[in-house]
Amino acid sequence: MDVGRTEERVVRRLRDWYAHPRYYEAIFGVDTEREMGFVLELSRRYGTGGEVLLEPACGAGRLIEEGARRGLRMVGYDASEVMLAHARRRLRRSGLQARVELGRMEFWAPTDLRGRVDAAYSLVSTFRYLDSEAAAVAHLSSVRKLLRPGGIYVLGFHLTDYARTGMLHERWVGRAGRDQVVCNTREWPPDRRARSARMRNRLRVRGPGKDWIIETQWRFRTYDEPEAQAVFRAAGLRVREVFNFEYQVDRPIPWTSNRLDRVMVLGAG
C-alpha cells in the first residue's frame, strides 16, 4: 500500500476493486431491477420462461438477491470469496435464499443442475476475462450443459474495433452510504495478434475521514463479430437475437449495427 498527500488529506492507495464489493456495487448496482426485468422478459419471449436462473460470476449478488425477491430459484457462482461473502450477507439480511457457490467460469457445471436452468445471464463483459479460446468455449459449453431444452444464455460484452488507435474512457459516479464513488475505466488500443486489450480501473472513494484510490489492472480478451460467432458455434450455441446495453426488449439490433455493446440471446443449436 502506498500513501500520498493531496492538499486536503491523505490519500490511501489500494488494489483490486473485487476486494471492495460495497464500492464496486455503488457503480454497477444502479440498474438491478431493470436488468432482471430484461432477462426475465427475454426468457419469456425466447426461452422457457421458467423460474430457475443462473448467474456465472455473480459477484456481490445484487441480481441474485433481486431474483430471489421476485420468487425465482436463483443460482450463482463466483471465483471471489470476498464477493460471495458479501452476497451471502445480503441474502441473510433480506431473509432470502439462493444457491451461491465458489466456482470458476470455465468449469462450473454441477451434475444436479444439468438440464434444469431456464435462463443464465452475464451482462457486464465478464466473459472477456476468459483469456483464451479454450477457456471461452469451456465456459459456454458448461453453461449449455446446465440449460433446460429451450433455455437461453443472455450474454453481454463489448465487441472490439481493431481499427481503433485511441484510448477508450468511461466514467460513472455513485454513492455507498455517505461515500461518493467515482469510477474511471480505460481501455488501451487492442492487440489483434494477441487478441487482448489492456484495462485499468480506478475507483476514487471520498467520504467522512476517507479518501481512497482503488486501482485494478488486467487484460480483456477481444472479439469482433466473426470471432464472437465462431466461439459460440464451437460451444454448440447460436445467436437468437441481439440487443444493446440499453436493455430495450422491443428494440433488437442487427449484427451489422455500429454499436459495439452487445447483449446476445444464445441458445443451443
C-alpha atoms as a PDB file:
ATOM      1  CA  MET A   1       0.000   0.000   0.000  1.00  0.00           C
ATOM      2  CA  ASP A   2       1.287   3.442  -0.960  1.00  0.00           C
ATOM      3  CA  VAL A   3       0.298   6.642   0.785  1.00  0.00           C
ATOM      4  CA  GLY A   4       0.427  10.011  -0.955  1.00  0.00           C
ATOM      5  CA  ARG A   5      -0.707  13.513   0.024  1.00  0.00           C
ATOM      6  CA  THR A   6      -3.095  15.929  -1.614  1.00  0.00           C
ATOM      7  CA  GLU A   7      -3.757  19.456  -0.443  1.00  0.00           C
ATOM      8  CA  GLU A   8      -6.755  18.267   1.545  1.00  0.00           C
ATOM      9  CA  ARG A   9      -5.994  14.917   3.113  1.00  0.00           C
ATOM     10  CA  VAL A  10      -4.013  11.693   2.972  1.00  0.00           C
ATOM     11  CA  VAL A  11      -4.927   9.515   0.003  1.00  0.00           C
ATOM     12  CA  ARG A  12      -4.892   5.791   0.670  1.00  0.00           C
ATOM     13  CA  ARG A  13      -3.978   3.680  -2.354  1.00  0.00           C
ATOM     14  CA  LEU A  14      -5.396   0.161  -2.609  1.00  0.00           C
ATOM     15  CA  ARG A  15      -5.645  -2.536  -5.263  1.00  0.00           C
ATOM     16  CA  ASP A  16      -8.378  -4.830  -6.609  1.00  0.00           C
ATOM     17  CA  TRP A  17     -11.907  -3.469  -6.726  1.00  0.00           C
ATOM     18  CA  TYR A  18     -13.245  -7.027  -6.260  1.00  0.00           C
ATOM     19  CA  ALA A  19     -11.905  -6.895  -2.693  1.00  0.00           C
ATOM     20  CA  HIS A  20     -14.283  -3.960  -2.043  1.00  0.00           C
ATOM     21  CA  PRO A  21     -17.757  -5.163  -3.082  1.00  0.00           C
ATOM     22  CA  ARG A  22     -19.570  -2.243  -1.434  1.00  0.00           C
ATOM     23  CA  TYR A  23     -17.836   0.271  -3.676  1.00  0.00           C
ATOM     24  CA  TYR A  24     -17.891  -1.972  -6.732  1.00  0.00           C
ATOM     25  CA  GLU A  25     -21.663  -2.157  -6.443  1.00  0.00           C
ATOM     26  CA  ALA A  26     -22.011   1.586  -5.953  1.00  0.00           C
ATOM     27  CA  ILE A  27     -21.162   1.798  -9.664  1.00  0.00           C
ATOM     28  CA  PHE A  28     -22.751  -1.342 -11.119  1.00  0.00           C
ATOM     29  CA  GLY A  29     -25.802  -1.663  -8.883  1.00  0.00           C
ATOM     30  CA  VAL A  30     -27.900   1.155 -10.311  1.00  0.00           C
ATOM     31  CA  ASP A  31     -29.805  -0.867 -12.963  1.00  0.00           C
ATOM     32  CA  THR A  32     -30.543  -4.003 -10.946  1.00  0.00           C
ATOM     33  CA  GLU A  33     -34.345  -4.026 -11.277  1.00  0.00           C
ATOM     34  CA  ARG A  34     -34.189  -3.089 -14.946  1.00  0.00           C
ATOM     35  CA  GLU A  35     -31.598  -5.766 -15.731  1.00  0.00           C
ATOM     36  CA  MET A  36     -33.553  -8.509 -14.014  1.00  0.00           C
ATOM     37  CA  GLY A  37     -36.750  -7.459 -15.742  1.00  0.00           C
ATOM     38  CA  PHE A  38     -34.919  -7.533 -19.086  1.00  0.00           C
ATOM     39  CA  VAL A  39     -33.572 -11.057 -18.508  1.00  0.00           C
ATOM     40  CA  LEU A  40     -36.975 -12.362 -17.447  1.00  0.00           C
ATOM     41  CA  GLU A  41     -38.722 -10.866 -20.464  1.00  0.00           C
ATOM     42  CA  LEU A  42     -36.106 -12.352 -22.800  1.00  0.00           C
ATOM     43  CA  SER A  43     -36.645 -15.729 -21.144  1.00  0.00           C
ATOM     44  CA  ARG A  44     -40.377 -15.408 -21.672  1.00  0.00           C
ATOM     45  CA  ARG A  45     -40.024 -14.405 -25.331  1.00  0.00           C
ATOM     46  CA  TYR A  46     -37.099 -16.549 -26.463  1.00  0.00           C
ATOM     47  CA  GLY A  47     -36.736 -19.282 -23.840  1.00  0.00           C
ATOM     48  CA  THR A  48     -38.793 -21.355 -21.440  1.00  0.00           C
ATOM     49  CA  GLY A  49     -39.954 -18.538 -19.177  1.00  0.00           C
ATOM     50  CA  GLY A  50     -39.191 -20.785 -16.203  1.00  0.00           C
ATOM     51  CA  GLU A  51     -38.150 -19.887 -12.670  1.00  0.00           C
ATOM     52  CA  VAL A  52     -34.601 -21.311 -12.384  1.00  0.00           C
ATOM     53  CA  LEU A  53     -31.966 -18.661 -13.202  1.00  0.00           C
ATOM     54  CA  LEU A  54     -28.167 -18.927 -13.166  1.00  0.00           C
ATOM     55  CA  GLU A  55     -25.609 -16.128 -12.902  1.00  0.00           C
ATOM     56  CA  PRO A  56     -21.999 -17.084 -13.700  1.00  0.00           C
ATOM     57  CA  ALA A  57     -19.561 -14.748 -11.910  1.00  0.00           C
ATOM     58  CA  CYS A  58     -22.385 -13.421  -9.735  1.00  0.00           C
ATOM     59  CA  GLY A  59     -20.087 -11.119  -7.752  1.00  0.00           C
ATOM     60  CA  ALA A  60     -21.659  -9.492  -4.708  1.00  0.00           C
ATOM     61  CA  GLY A  61     -25.061 -10.929  -5.551  1.00  0.00           C
ATOM     62  CA  ARG A  62     -27.193  -7.892  -6.357  1.00  0.00           C
ATOM     63  CA  LEU A  63     -29.057  -9.676  -9.187  1.00  0.00           C
ATOM     64  CA  ILE A  64     -29.216 -12.919  -7.217  1.00  0.00           C
ATOM     65  CA  GLU A  65     -30.955 -11.023  -4.425  1.00  0.00           C
ATOM     66  CA  GLU A  66     -33.308  -9.281  -6.870  1.00  0.00           C
ATOM     67  CA  GLY A  67     -34.341 -12.560  -8.461  1.00  0.00           C
ATOM     68  CA  ALA A  68     -34.875 -14.226  -5.091  1.00  0.00           C
ATOM     69  CA  ARG A  69     -37.006 -11.255  -4.031  1.00  0.00           C
ATOM     70  CA  ARG A  70     -39.189 -11.933  -7.072  1.00  0.00           C
ATOM     71  CA  GLY A  71     -39.685 -15.544  -6.006  1.00  0.00           C
ATOM     72  CA  LEU A  72     -37.272 -17.104  -8.503  1.00  0.00           C
ATOM     73  CA  ARG A  73     -34.921 -20.006  -7.787  1.00  0.00           C
ATOM     74  CA  MET A  74     -31.547 -18.276  -8.099  1.00  0.00           C
ATOM     75  CA  VAL A  75     -28.169 -19.948  -8.545  1.00  0.00           C
ATOM     76  CA  GLY A  76     -24.849 -18.104  -8.728  1.00  0.00           C
ATOM     77  CA  TYR A  77     -21.157 -18.788  -8.507  1.00  0.00           C
ATOM     78  CA  ASP A  78     -18.009 -16.692  -8.406  1.00  0.00           C
ATOM     79  CA  ALA A  79     -14.245 -17.129  -8.018  1.00  0.00           C
ATOM     80  CA  SER A  80     -14.017 -14.406  -5.324  1.00  0.00           C
ATOM     81  CA  GLU A  81     -14.643 -15.499  -1.741  1.00  0.00           C
ATOM     82  CA  VAL A  82     -14.897 -11.834  -0.712  1.00  0.00           C
ATOM     83  CA  MET A  83     -17.697 -11.193  -3.185  1.00  0.00           C
ATOM     84  CA  LEU A  84     -19.512 -14.387  -2.214  1.00  0.00           C
ATOM     85  CA  ALA A  85     -19.346 -13.492   1.481  1.00  0.00           C
ATOM     86  CA  HIS A  86     -20.955 -10.148   0.658  1.00  0.00           C
ATOM     87  CA  ALA A  87     -23.642 -11.907  -1.410  1.00  0.00           C
ATOM     88  CA  ARG A  88     -24.469 -14.299   1.434  1.00  0.00           C
ATOM     89  CA  ARG A  89     -24.685 -11.453   3.954  1.00  0.00           C
ATOM     90  CA  ARG A  90     -27.101  -9.506   1.806  1.00  0.00           C
ATOM     91  CA  LEU A  91     -29.314 -12.577   1.345  1.00  0.00           C
ATOM     92  CA  ARG A  92     -29.375 -13.172   5.109  1.00  0.00           C
ATOM     93  CA  ARG A  93     -30.238  -9.521   5.775  1.00  0.00           C
ATOM     94  CA  SER A  94     -33.111  -9.751   3.306  1.00  0.00           C
ATOM     95  CA  GLY A  95     -34.351 -13.078   4.650  1.00  0.00           C
ATOM     96  CA  LEU A  96     -33.943 -14.627   1.200  1.00  0.00           C
ATOM     97  CA  GLN A  97     -32.461 -17.906  -0.004  1.00  0.00           C
ATOM     98  CA  ALA A  98     -30.377 -18.705  -3.061  1.00  0.00           C
ATOM     99  CA  ARG A  99     -27.661 -21.165  -4.044  1.00  0.00           C
ATOM    100  CA  VAL A 100     -24.343 -19.297  -4.112  1.00  0.00           C
ATOM    101  CA  GLU A 101     -21.099 -21.237  -4.536  1.00  0.00           C
ATOM    102  CA  LEU A 102     -17.394 -20.864  -5.237  1.00  0.00           C
ATOM    103  CA  GLY A 103     -16.544 -21.710  -8.825  1.00  0.00           C
ATOM    104  CA  ARG A 104     -14.742 -20.714 -11.996  1.00  0.00           C
ATOM    105  CA  MET A 105     -16.460 -19.841 -15.260  1.00  0.00           C
ATOM    106  CA  GLU A 106     -14.539 -22.466 -17.228  1.00  0.00           C
ATOM    107  CA  PHE A 107     -15.597 -25.447 -15.159  1.00  0.00           C
ATOM    108  CA  TRP A 108     -18.732 -24.894 -13.067  1.00  0.00           C
ATOM    109  CA  ALA A 109     -21.418 -27.364 -14.207  1.00  0.00           C
ATOM    110  CA  PRO A 110     -22.652 -29.492 -11.271  1.00  0.00           C
ATOM    111  CA  THR A 111     -24.446 -32.654 -12.308  1.00  0.00           C
ATOM    112  CA  ASP A 112     -27.531 -31.944 -10.186  1.00  0.00           C
ATOM    113  CA  LEU A 113     -28.242 -28.789 -12.217  1.00  0.00           C
ATOM    114  CA  ARG A 114     -27.663 -30.143 -15.702  1.00  0.00           C
ATOM    115  CA  GLY A 115     -30.677 -29.611 -17.921  1.00  0.00           C
ATOM    116  CA  ARG A 116     -32.540 -27.665 -15.222  1.00  0.00           C
ATOM    117  CA  VAL A 117     -31.639 -23.973 -15.769  1.00  0.00           C
ATOM    118  CA  ASP A 118     -34.208 -21.905 -17.644  1.00  0.00           C
ATOM    119  CA  ALA A 119     -32.026 -18.843 -18.222  1.00  0.00           C
ATOM    120  CA  ALA A 120     -28.423 -17.928 -17.496  1.00  0.00           C
ATOM    121  CA  TYR A 121     -27.148 -14.366 -17.743  1.00  0.00           C
ATOM    122  CA  SER A 122     -23.884 -12.402 -17.598  1.00  0.00           C
ATOM    123  CA  LEU A 123     -24.336  -8.775 -18.583  1.00  0.00           C
ATOM    124  CA  VAL A 124     -21.223  -6.703 -17.815  1.00  0.00           C
ATOM    125  CA  SER A 125     -18.408  -8.014 -20.070  1.00  0.00           C
ATOM    126  CA  THR A 126     -17.258 -10.605 -17.525  1.00  0.00           C
ATOM    127  CA  PHE A 127     -16.976 -13.046 -20.429  1.00  0.00           C
ATOM    128  CA  ARG A 128     -13.942 -11.113 -21.680  1.00  0.00           C
ATOM    129  CA  TYR A 129     -11.924 -12.102 -18.598  1.00  0.00           C
ATOM    130  CA  LEU A 130     -11.665 -15.577 -20.125  1.00  0.00           C
ATOM    131  CA  ASP A 131      -8.249 -15.180 -21.705  1.00  0.00           C
ATOM    132  CA  SER A 132      -8.187 -17.873 -24.390  1.00  0.00           C
ATOM    133  CA  GLU A 133     -10.429 -19.511 -26.959  1.00  0.00           C
ATOM    134  CA  ALA A 134     -10.300 -22.755 -24.997  1.00  0.00           C
ATOM    135  CA  ALA A 135     -11.423 -21.039 -21.780  1.00  0.00           C
ATOM    136  CA  ALA A 136     -14.263 -19.237 -23.566  1.00  0.00           C
ATOM    137  CA  VAL A 137     -15.528 -22.417 -25.232  1.00  0.00           C
ATOM    138  CA  ALA A 138     -15.244 -24.327 -21.945  1.00  0.00           C
ATOM    139  CA  HIS A 139     -17.373 -21.724 -20.182  1.00  0.00           C
ATOM    140  CA  LEU A 140     -20.035 -21.581 -22.873  1.00  0.00           C
ATOM    141  CA  SER A 141     -20.156 -25.383 -23.046  1.00  0.00           C
ATOM    142  CA  SER A 142     -20.541 -25.579 -19.258  1.00  0.00           C
ATOM    143  CA  VAL A 143     -23.498 -23.204 -19.346  1.00  0.00           C
ATOM    144  CA  ARG A 144     -25.068 -25.094 -22.260  1.00  0.00           C
ATOM    145  CA  LYS A 145     -24.956 -28.331 -20.222  1.00  0.00           C
ATOM    146  CA  LEU A 146     -26.963 -26.649 -17.472  1.00  0.00           C
ATOM    147  CA  LEU A 147     -29.669 -25.188 -19.698  1.00  0.00           C
ATOM    148  CA  ARG A 148     -33.053 -26.808 -19.942  1.00  0.00           C
ATOM    149  CA  PRO A 149     -34.115 -27.663 -23.540  1.00  0.00           C
ATOM    150  CA  GLY A 150     -35.163 -24.301 -24.943  1.00  0.00           C
ATOM    151  CA  GLY A 151     -33.278 -22.389 -22.250  1.00  0.00           C
ATOM    152  CA  ILE A 152     -31.193 -19.306 -23.072  1.00  0.00           C
ATOM    153  CA  TYR A 153     -27.931 -17.635 -22.064  1.00  0.00           C
ATOM    154  CA  VAL A 154     -28.136 -13.825 -22.063  1.00  0.00           C
ATOM    155  CA  LEU A 155     -24.522 -12.750 -22.587  1.00  0.00           C
ATOM    156  CA  GLY A 156     -23.409  -9.122 -22.707  1.00  0.00           C
ATOM    157  CA  PHE A 157     -19.986  -7.746 -23.646  1.00  0.00           C
ATOM    158  CA  HIS A 158     -18.369  -5.110 -25.836  1.00  0.00           C
ATOM    159  CA  LEU A 159     -17.117  -6.124 -29.255  1.00  0.00           C
ATOM    160  CA  THR A 160     -13.753  -4.796 -30.439  1.00  0.00           C
ATOM    161  CA  ASP A 161     -12.969  -2.304 -33.176  1.00  0.00           C
ATOM    162  CA  TYR A 162      -9.495  -3.440 -34.244  1.00  0.00           C
ATOM    163  CA  ALA A 163      -9.024  -0.236 -36.251  1.00  0.00           C
ATOM    164  CA  ARG A 164      -9.156   1.851 -33.077  1.00  0.00           C
ATOM    165  CA  THR A 165      -5.891   3.583 -32.166  1.00  0.00           C
ATOM    166  CA  GLY A 166      -7.067   5.839 -29.333  1.00  0.00           C
ATOM    167  CA  MET A 167      -7.903   5.207 -25.699  1.00  0.00           C
ATOM    168  CA  LEU A 168     -11.472   4.413 -24.571  1.00  0.00           C
ATOM    169  CA  HIS A 169     -12.610   6.067 -21.349  1.00  0.00           C
ATOM    170  CA  GLU A 170     -15.793   5.584 -19.341  1.00  0.00           C
ATOM    171  CA  ARG A 171     -16.738   7.410 -16.130  1.00  0.00           C
ATOM    172  CA  TRP A 172     -19.521   6.756 -13.626  1.00  0.00           C
ATOM    173  CA  VAL A 173     -20.438   8.319 -10.299  1.00  0.00           C
ATOM    174  CA  GLY A 174     -22.280   6.522  -7.493  1.00  0.00           C
ATOM    175  CA  ARG A 175     -22.742   6.506  -3.738  1.00  0.00           C
ATOM    176  CA  ALA A 176     -22.252   3.984  -0.944  1.00  0.00           C
ATOM    177  CA  GLY A 177     -23.845   5.416   2.177  1.00  0.00           C
ATOM    178  CA  ARG A 178     -22.062   8.715   2.902  1.00  0.00           C
ATOM    179  CA  ASP A 179     -19.224   7.920   0.493  1.00  0.00           C
ATOM    180  CA  GLN A 180     -19.068   9.160  -3.093  1.00  0.00           C
ATOM    181  CA  VAL A 181     -17.565   6.718  -5.592  1.00  0.00           C
ATOM    182  CA  VAL A 182     -16.152   7.914  -8.924  1.00  0.00           C
ATOM    183  CA  CYS A 183     -15.203   5.171 -11.368  1.00  0.00           C
ATOM    184  CA  ASN A 184     -12.846   5.747 -14.305  1.00  0.00           C
ATOM    185  CA  THR A 185     -12.138   2.846 -16.665  1.00  0.00           C
ATOM    186  CA  ARG A 186      -9.659   2.978 -19.538  1.00  0.00           C
ATOM    187  CA  GLU A 187      -9.150   0.511 -22.370  1.00  0.00           C
ATOM    188  CA  TRP A 188      -5.973   0.733 -24.443  1.00  0.00           C
ATOM    189  CA  PRO A 189      -5.983   0.040 -28.212  1.00  0.00           C
ATOM    190  CA  PRO A 190      -6.413  -3.684 -28.907  1.00  0.00           C
ATOM    191  CA  ASP A 191      -3.602  -6.024 -29.863  1.00  0.00           C
ATOM    192  CA  ARG A 192      -5.195  -8.059 -32.635  1.00  0.00           C
ATOM    193  CA  ARG A 193      -2.441 -10.644 -32.813  1.00  0.00           C
ATOM    194  CA  ALA A 194      -2.621 -11.329 -29.058  1.00  0.00           C
ATOM    195  CA  ARG A 195      -6.443 -10.943 -29.019  1.00  0.00           C
ATOM    196  CA  SER A 196      -6.252  -8.760 -25.909  1.00  0.00           C
ATOM    197  CA  ALA A 197      -6.544  -5.210 -24.646  1.00  0.00           C
ATOM    198  CA  ARG A 198      -5.015  -3.641 -21.549  1.00  0.00           C
ATOM    199  CA  MET A 199      -7.552  -2.370 -18.995  1.00  0.00           C
ATOM    200  CA  ARG A 200      -7.289  -0.118 -15.949  1.00  0.00           C
ATOM    201  CA  ASN A 201      -9.967   0.857 -13.459  1.00  0.00           C
ATOM    202  CA  ARG A 202      -9.686   3.477 -10.723  1.00  0.00           C
ATOM    203  CA  LEU A 203     -12.289   3.947  -8.029  1.00  0.00           C
ATOM    204  CA  ARG A 204     -11.966   7.216  -6.104  1.00  0.00           C
ATOM    205  CA  VAL A 205     -13.833   6.874  -2.813  1.00  0.00           C
ATOM    206  CA  ARG A 206     -14.392  10.025  -0.766  1.00  0.00           C
ATOM    207  CA  GLY A 207     -16.328  10.303   2.458  1.00  0.00           C
ATOM    208  CA  PRO A 208     -16.038  11.391   6.092  1.00  0.00           C
ATOM    209  CA  GLY A 209     -12.386  10.830   7.005  1.00  0.00           C
ATOM    210  CA  LYS A 210     -11.814   8.809   3.825  1.00  0.00           C
ATOM    211  CA  ASP A 211     -10.031   9.392   0.528  1.00  0.00           C
ATOM    212  CA  TRP A 212      -9.157   6.174  -1.278  1.00  0.00           C
ATOM    213  CA  ILE A 213      -7.960   5.271  -4.744  1.00  0.00           C
ATOM    214  CA  ILE A 214      -8.589   1.608  -5.613  1.00  0.00           C
ATOM    215  CA  GLU A 215      -6.782   0.646  -8.817  1.00  0.00           C
ATOM    216  CA  THR A 216      -7.192  -2.587 -10.766  1.00  0.00           C
ATOM    217  CA  GLN A 217      -5.344  -3.587 -13.941  1.00  0.00           C
ATOM    218  CA  TRP A 218      -5.998  -6.573 -16.178  1.00  0.00           C
ATOM    219  CA  ARG A 219      -6.267  -7.657 -19.809  1.00  0.00           C
ATOM    220  CA  PHE A 220      -9.528  -8.335 -21.612  1.00  0.00           C
ATOM    221  CA  ARG A 221      -9.853 -10.776 -24.497  1.00  0.00           C
ATOM    222  CA  THR A 222     -11.011  -9.127 -27.717  1.00  0.00           C
ATOM    223  CA  TYR A 223     -13.776 -10.178 -30.115  1.00  0.00           C
ATOM    224  CA  ASP A 224     -15.065  -8.772 -33.354  1.00  0.00           C
ATOM    225  CA  GLU A 225     -18.321 -10.128 -34.798  1.00  0.00           C
ATOM    226  CA  PRO A 226     -16.848 -13.154 -36.668  1.00  0.00           C
ATOM    227  CA  GLU A 227     -14.684 -14.089 -33.667  1.00  0.00           C
ATOM    228  CA  ALA A 228     -17.687 -13.979 -31.349  1.00  0.00           C
ATOM    229  CA  GLN A 229     -19.832 -16.052 -33.710  1.00  0.00           C
ATOM    230  CA  ALA A 230     -17.025 -18.610 -34.077  1.00  0.00           C
ATOM    231  CA  VAL A 231     -16.677 -19.173 -30.332  1.00  0.00           C
ATOM    232  CA  PHE A 232     -20.445 -19.541 -29.946  1.00  0.00           C
ATOM    233  CA  ARG A 233     -20.563 -22.160 -32.699  1.00  0.00           C
ATOM    234  CA  ALA A 234     -17.662 -24.059 -31.158  1.00  0.00           C
ATOM    235  CA  ALA A 235     -19.687 -24.388 -27.947  1.00  0.00           C
ATOM    236  CA  GLY A 236     -22.834 -25.527 -29.752  1.00  0.00           C
ATOM    237  CA  LEU A 237     -24.703 -22.245 -29.304  1.00  0.00           C
ATOM    238  CA  ARG A 238     -26.313 -19.870 -31.764  1.00  0.00           C
ATOM    239  CA  VAL A 239     -27.425 -16.253 -31.524  1.00  0.00           C
ATOM    240  CA  ARG A 240     -31.200 -15.932 -31.421  1.00  0.00           C
ATOM    241  CA  GLU A 241     -31.353 -12.151 -31.021  1.00  0.00           C
ATOM    242  CA  VAL A 242     -29.099  -9.174 -30.258  1.00  0.00           C
ATOM    243  CA  PHE A 243     -29.679  -6.075 -28.116  1.00  0.00           C
ATOM    244  CA  ASN A 244     -27.524  -3.271 -26.717  1.00  0.00           C
ATOM    245  CA  PHE A 245     -26.878  -2.220 -23.134  1.00  0.00           C
ATOM    246  CA  GLU A 246     -29.969  -0.020 -23.058  1.00  0.00           C
ATOM    247  CA  TYR A 247     -31.942  -3.220 -22.263  1.00  0.00           C
ATOM    248  CA  GLN A 248     -34.879  -2.386 -24.516  1.00  0.00           C
ATOM    249  CA  VAL A 249     -36.513  -5.724 -25.187  1.00  0.00           C
ATOM    250  CA  ASP A 250     -38.676  -4.354 -28.016  1.00  0.00           C
ATOM    251  CA  ARG A 251     -35.661  -2.930 -29.891  1.00  0.00           C
ATOM    252  CA  PRO A 252     -33.302  -5.695 -31.052  1.00  0.00           C
ATOM    253  CA  ILE A 253     -30.362  -4.650 -33.206  1.00  0.00           C
ATOM    254  CA  PRO A 254     -28.734  -6.364 -36.204  1.00  0.00           C
ATOM    255  CA  TRP A 255     -25.209  -7.779 -36.128  1.00  0.00           C
ATOM    256  CA  THR A 256     -24.364  -5.098 -38.694  1.00  0.00           C
ATOM    257  CA  SER A 257     -25.092  -2.315 -36.196  1.00  0.00           C
ATOM    258  CA  ASN A 258     -22.166   0.020 -35.497  1.00  0.00           C
ATOM    259  CA  ARG A 259     -22.894  -0.319 -31.761  1.00  0.00           C
ATOM    260  CA  LEU A 260     -20.157  -2.378 -30.108  1.00  0.00           C
ATOM    261  CA  ASP A 261     -22.037  -3.012 -26.848  1.00  0.00           C
ATOM    262  CA  ARG A 262     -23.967  -6.233 -27.374  1.00  0.00           C
ATOM    263  CA  VAL A 263     -26.326  -8.354 -25.321  1.00  0.00           C
ATOM    264  CA  MET A 264     -26.786 -11.648 -27.150  1.00  0.00           C
ATOM    265  CA  VAL A 265     -29.527 -14.193 -26.560  1.00  0.00           C
ATOM    266  CA  LEU A 266     -27.829 -17.560 -27.028  1.00  0.00           C
ATOM    267  CA  GLY A 267     -29.490 -20.946 -27.297  1.00  0.00           C
ATOM    268  CA  ALA A 268     -28.446 -24.472 -28.232  1.00  0.00           C
ATOM    269  CA  GLY A 269     -28.467 -25.232 -31.905  1.00  0.00           C
END
